Amino acid sequence: MKAEMVTTLKRQATKILADLSLSHEPILITEQGRPAAYLVNVEDYEFQQRRLQLLEGIARGERAIQEGRVYSQAEAEAKMQKWLK
C-alpha cells in the first residue's frame, strides 16, 4: 500500500488522484508521521459499502436464527400475503 504525507497530498492532489484512478490501490495519508486517513477510489469505496451492507444483513439473519426469530414457509407466506397478491 502506498503512503503519502498530507502535505504531499495538498501539493500534488491532481497527480495523486490520477495515480489512484489507475491503480485502485488505497493510499494511506499520514500527518506528522502517523496514519490519518485512507484515500480510496470512489467505485472501490461504493463497492466496499455495498459489501458491508450485505454482510450486516447476513449477520442480522444469523442472529435472528440463533435467537429463534424465524418463521416457517407457511407463516412467512401468511405474513406477506398482502405483498404476494
N, C-alpha and C. Protein backbone atom coordinates (compact mmCIF):
# COMPACT_ATOMS: atom_id res chain seq x y z
N MET A 1 0.84 -1.17 0.00
CA MET A 1 0.00 0.00 0.00
C MET A 1 0.89 1.24 0.00
N LYS A 2 0.48 2.19 -0.77
CA LYS A 2 1.22 3.44 -0.90
C LYS A 2 0.86 4.36 0.27
N ALA A 3 1.81 5.15 0.72
CA ALA A 3 1.57 6.13 1.78
C ALA A 3 2.06 7.50 1.30
N GLU A 4 1.32 8.51 1.65
CA GLU A 4 1.69 9.89 1.30
C GLU A 4 1.47 10.78 2.52
N MET A 5 2.29 11.79 2.64
CA MET A 5 2.10 12.78 3.70
C MET A 5 0.99 13.73 3.27
N VAL A 6 0.30 14.27 4.25
CA VAL A 6 -0.80 15.18 3.95
C VAL A 6 -0.29 16.40 3.20
N THR A 7 0.92 16.84 3.47
CA THR A 7 1.47 17.99 2.73
C THR A 7 1.69 17.65 1.26
N THR A 8 2.10 16.41 0.98
CA THR A 8 2.25 15.97 -0.40
C THR A 8 0.89 15.93 -1.09
N LEU A 9 -0.12 15.48 -0.38
CA LEU A 9 -1.48 15.46 -0.93
C LEU A 9 -1.93 16.87 -1.28
N LYS A 10 -1.64 17.81 -0.41
CA LYS A 10 -2.03 19.20 -0.67
C LYS A 10 -1.35 19.74 -1.92
N ARG A 11 -0.07 19.41 -2.09
CA ARG A 11 0.71 19.95 -3.21
C ARG A 11 0.46 19.22 -4.53
N GLN A 12 0.19 17.92 -4.45
CA GLN A 12 0.12 17.11 -5.66
C GLN A 12 -1.20 16.34 -5.76
N ALA A 13 -2.28 16.95 -5.34
CA ALA A 13 -3.57 16.27 -5.30
C ALA A 13 -3.96 15.71 -6.67
N THR A 14 -3.80 16.47 -7.72
CA THR A 14 -4.20 16.03 -9.05
C THR A 14 -3.43 14.78 -9.47
N LYS A 15 -2.12 14.78 -9.26
CA LYS A 15 -1.30 13.63 -9.63
C LYS A 15 -1.66 12.41 -8.77
N ILE A 16 -1.84 12.61 -7.49
CA ILE A 16 -2.18 11.50 -6.59
C ILE A 16 -3.53 10.90 -6.97
N LEU A 17 -4.51 11.75 -7.28
CA LEU A 17 -5.83 11.25 -7.69
C LEU A 17 -5.74 10.51 -9.02
N ALA A 18 -4.91 10.99 -9.94
CA ALA A 18 -4.74 10.30 -11.23
C ALA A 18 -4.13 8.93 -11.00
N ASP A 19 -3.10 8.85 -10.16
CA ASP A 19 -2.48 7.56 -9.84
C ASP A 19 -3.49 6.62 -9.19
N LEU A 20 -4.30 7.16 -8.30
CA LEU A 20 -5.32 6.35 -7.61
C LEU A 20 -6.33 5.78 -8.58
N SER A 21 -6.75 6.58 -9.55
CA SER A 21 -7.75 6.09 -10.51
C SER A 21 -7.18 5.00 -11.40
N LEU A 22 -5.87 5.01 -11.62
CA LEU A 22 -5.23 3.96 -12.42
C LEU A 22 -4.97 2.69 -11.62
N SER A 23 -4.46 2.85 -10.41
CA SER A 23 -4.03 1.69 -9.63
C SER A 23 -5.14 1.08 -8.78
N HIS A 24 -6.11 1.88 -8.39
CA HIS A 24 -7.18 1.44 -7.47
C HIS A 24 -6.61 0.95 -6.14
N GLU A 25 -5.38 1.32 -5.85
CA GLU A 25 -4.74 0.92 -4.59
C GLU A 25 -4.96 2.03 -3.57
N PRO A 26 -5.54 1.72 -2.40
CA PRO A 26 -5.75 2.76 -1.38
C PRO A 26 -4.42 3.43 -1.01
N ILE A 27 -4.51 4.69 -0.65
CA ILE A 27 -3.33 5.44 -0.24
C ILE A 27 -3.52 5.85 1.22
N LEU A 28 -2.54 5.52 2.03
CA LEU A 28 -2.56 5.92 3.43
C LEU A 28 -2.02 7.34 3.52
N ILE A 29 -2.82 8.23 4.09
CA ILE A 29 -2.40 9.61 4.28
C ILE A 29 -1.88 9.75 5.70
N THR A 30 -0.66 10.26 5.84
CA THR A 30 -0.08 10.42 7.17
C THR A 30 0.02 11.90 7.51
N GLU A 31 -0.08 12.15 8.79
CA GLU A 31 0.04 13.52 9.30
C GLU A 31 0.98 13.46 10.49
N GLN A 32 2.05 14.19 10.41
CA GLN A 32 3.10 14.18 11.45
C GLN A 32 3.58 12.76 11.72
N GLY A 33 3.72 11.98 10.64
CA GLY A 33 4.25 10.63 10.73
C GLY A 33 3.28 9.57 11.22
N ARG A 34 2.04 9.94 11.46
CA ARG A 34 1.04 8.98 11.95
C ARG A 34 -0.09 8.83 10.92
N PRO A 35 -0.65 7.62 10.82
CA PRO A 35 -1.78 7.42 9.91
C PRO A 35 -2.93 8.37 10.25
N ALA A 36 -3.48 9.02 9.24
CA ALA A 36 -4.58 9.96 9.45
C ALA A 36 -5.83 9.57 8.68
N ALA A 37 -5.67 9.00 7.49
CA ALA A 37 -6.83 8.67 6.66
C ALA A 37 -6.39 7.78 5.52
N TYR A 38 -7.38 7.17 4.88
CA TYR A 38 -7.14 6.42 3.65
C TYR A 38 -7.84 7.15 2.52
N LEU A 39 -7.18 7.21 1.39
CA LEU A 39 -7.76 7.78 0.19
C LEU A 39 -8.04 6.60 -0.74
N VAL A 40 -9.32 6.44 -1.11
CA VAL A 40 -9.70 5.31 -1.96
C VAL A 40 -10.50 5.80 -3.16
N ASN A 41 -10.46 5.02 -4.22
CA ASN A 41 -11.22 5.29 -5.43
C ASN A 41 -12.72 5.22 -5.11
N VAL A 42 -13.51 6.08 -5.73
CA VAL A 42 -14.95 6.15 -5.46
C VAL A 42 -15.64 4.81 -5.72
N GLU A 43 -15.35 4.18 -6.86
CA GLU A 43 -16.00 2.90 -7.17
C GLU A 43 -15.65 1.84 -6.14
N ASP A 44 -14.39 1.82 -5.71
CA ASP A 44 -13.96 0.84 -4.71
C ASP A 44 -14.66 1.09 -3.38
N TYR A 45 -14.78 2.36 -3.00
CA TYR A 45 -15.46 2.70 -1.75
C TYR A 45 -16.93 2.27 -1.80
N GLU A 46 -17.60 2.58 -2.89
CA GLU A 46 -19.01 2.20 -3.02
C GLU A 46 -19.19 0.68 -3.01
N PHE A 47 -18.28 -0.04 -3.65
CA PHE A 47 -18.31 -1.50 -3.63
C PHE A 47 -18.15 -2.01 -2.21
N GLN A 48 -17.21 -1.44 -1.47
CA GLN A 48 -16.99 -1.84 -0.08
C GLN A 48 -18.23 -1.58 0.77
N GLN A 49 -18.89 -0.45 0.53
CA GLN A 49 -20.09 -0.12 1.30
C GLN A 49 -21.23 -1.11 1.01
N ARG A 50 -21.40 -1.48 -0.27
CA ARG A 50 -22.44 -2.47 -0.61
C ARG A 50 -22.11 -3.82 0.02
N ARG A 51 -20.85 -4.20 -0.02
CA ARG A 51 -20.43 -5.47 0.59
C ARG A 51 -20.68 -5.45 2.10
N LEU A 52 -20.37 -4.33 2.74
CA LEU A 52 -20.59 -4.20 4.17
C LEU A 52 -22.08 -4.32 4.51
N GLN A 53 -22.94 -3.69 3.72
CA GLN A 53 -24.38 -3.79 3.94
C GLN A 53 -24.86 -5.23 3.82
N LEU A 54 -24.35 -5.94 2.82
CA LEU A 54 -24.71 -7.33 2.63
C LEU A 54 -24.27 -8.18 3.83
N LEU A 55 -23.04 -7.98 4.28
CA LEU A 55 -22.53 -8.74 5.43
C LEU A 55 -23.31 -8.42 6.70
N GLU A 56 -23.71 -7.16 6.88
CA GLU A 56 -24.52 -6.80 8.04
C GLU A 56 -25.88 -7.48 7.98
N GLY A 57 -26.46 -7.58 6.79
CA GLY A 57 -27.75 -8.27 6.63
C GLY A 57 -27.62 -9.75 6.96
N ILE A 58 -26.53 -10.36 6.52
CA ILE A 58 -26.29 -11.77 6.83
C ILE A 58 -26.14 -11.95 8.34
N ALA A 59 -25.40 -11.05 8.98
CA ALA A 59 -25.20 -11.14 10.43
C ALA A 59 -26.52 -10.99 11.18
N ARG A 60 -27.40 -10.07 10.71
CA ARG A 60 -28.72 -9.93 11.34
C ARG A 60 -29.52 -11.21 11.20
N GLY A 61 -29.46 -11.83 10.02
CA GLY A 61 -30.17 -13.08 9.80
C GLY A 61 -29.65 -14.20 10.69
N GLU A 62 -28.34 -14.28 10.83
CA GLU A 62 -27.75 -15.31 11.69
C GLU A 62 -28.15 -15.09 13.15
N ARG A 63 -28.19 -13.82 13.58
CA ARG A 63 -28.64 -13.51 14.96
C ARG A 63 -30.09 -13.91 15.16
N ALA A 64 -30.91 -13.64 14.16
CA ALA A 64 -32.33 -14.00 14.26
C ALA A 64 -32.49 -15.51 14.40
N ILE A 65 -31.71 -16.27 13.66
CA ILE A 65 -31.77 -17.73 13.75
C ILE A 65 -31.34 -18.18 15.14
N GLN A 66 -30.24 -17.63 15.64
CA GLN A 66 -29.75 -18.00 16.97
C GLN A 66 -30.76 -17.67 18.07
N GLU A 67 -31.51 -16.58 17.88
CA GLU A 67 -32.48 -16.14 18.88
C GLU A 67 -33.86 -16.77 18.66
N GLY A 68 -33.97 -17.60 17.65
CA GLY A 68 -35.24 -18.29 17.39
C GLY A 68 -36.29 -17.42 16.74
N ARG A 69 -35.90 -16.30 16.17
CA ARG A 69 -36.85 -15.41 15.50
C ARG A 69 -36.95 -15.79 14.03
N VAL A 70 -37.57 -16.93 13.79
CA VAL A 70 -37.71 -17.46 12.43
C VAL A 70 -39.16 -17.87 12.19
N TYR A 71 -39.55 -17.97 10.93
CA TYR A 71 -40.89 -18.38 10.54
C TYR A 71 -40.79 -19.57 9.59
N SER A 72 -41.81 -20.39 9.63
CA SER A 72 -41.90 -21.46 8.65
C SER A 72 -42.32 -20.84 7.32
N GLN A 73 -42.25 -21.63 6.26
CA GLN A 73 -42.66 -21.14 4.94
C GLN A 73 -44.11 -20.66 4.98
N ALA A 74 -44.98 -21.45 5.60
CA ALA A 74 -46.41 -21.11 5.67
C ALA A 74 -46.62 -19.83 6.47
N GLU A 75 -45.92 -19.69 7.60
CA GLU A 75 -46.06 -18.48 8.42
C GLU A 75 -45.58 -17.24 7.65
N ALA A 76 -44.48 -17.38 6.95
CA ALA A 76 -43.93 -16.26 6.18
C ALA A 76 -44.90 -15.86 5.07
N GLU A 77 -45.46 -16.84 4.37
CA GLU A 77 -46.42 -16.54 3.30
C GLU A 77 -47.65 -15.85 3.86
N ALA A 78 -48.13 -16.31 5.03
CA ALA A 78 -49.31 -15.69 5.65
C ALA A 78 -49.01 -14.23 6.02
N LYS A 79 -47.85 -13.97 6.57
CA LYS A 79 -47.50 -12.62 6.98
C LYS A 79 -47.27 -11.70 5.77
N MET A 80 -46.86 -12.28 4.64
CA MET A 80 -46.57 -11.46 3.46
C MET A 80 -47.67 -11.52 2.40
N GLN A 81 -48.79 -12.06 2.75
CA GLN A 81 -49.86 -12.27 1.79
C GLN A 81 -50.24 -10.99 1.04
N LYS A 82 -50.29 -9.87 1.74
CA LYS A 82 -50.70 -8.64 1.07
C LYS A 82 -49.71 -8.20 -0.01
N TRP A 83 -48.44 -8.63 0.06
CA TRP A 83 -47.45 -8.28 -0.96
C TRP A 83 -47.35 -9.35 -2.03
N LEU A 84 -47.86 -10.54 -1.77
CA LEU A 84 -47.74 -11.64 -2.71
C LEU A 84 -48.91 -11.73 -3.70
N LYS A 85 -49.86 -10.86 -3.59
CA LYS A 85 -51.05 -10.91 -4.47
C LYS A 85 -50.70 -10.54 -5.88
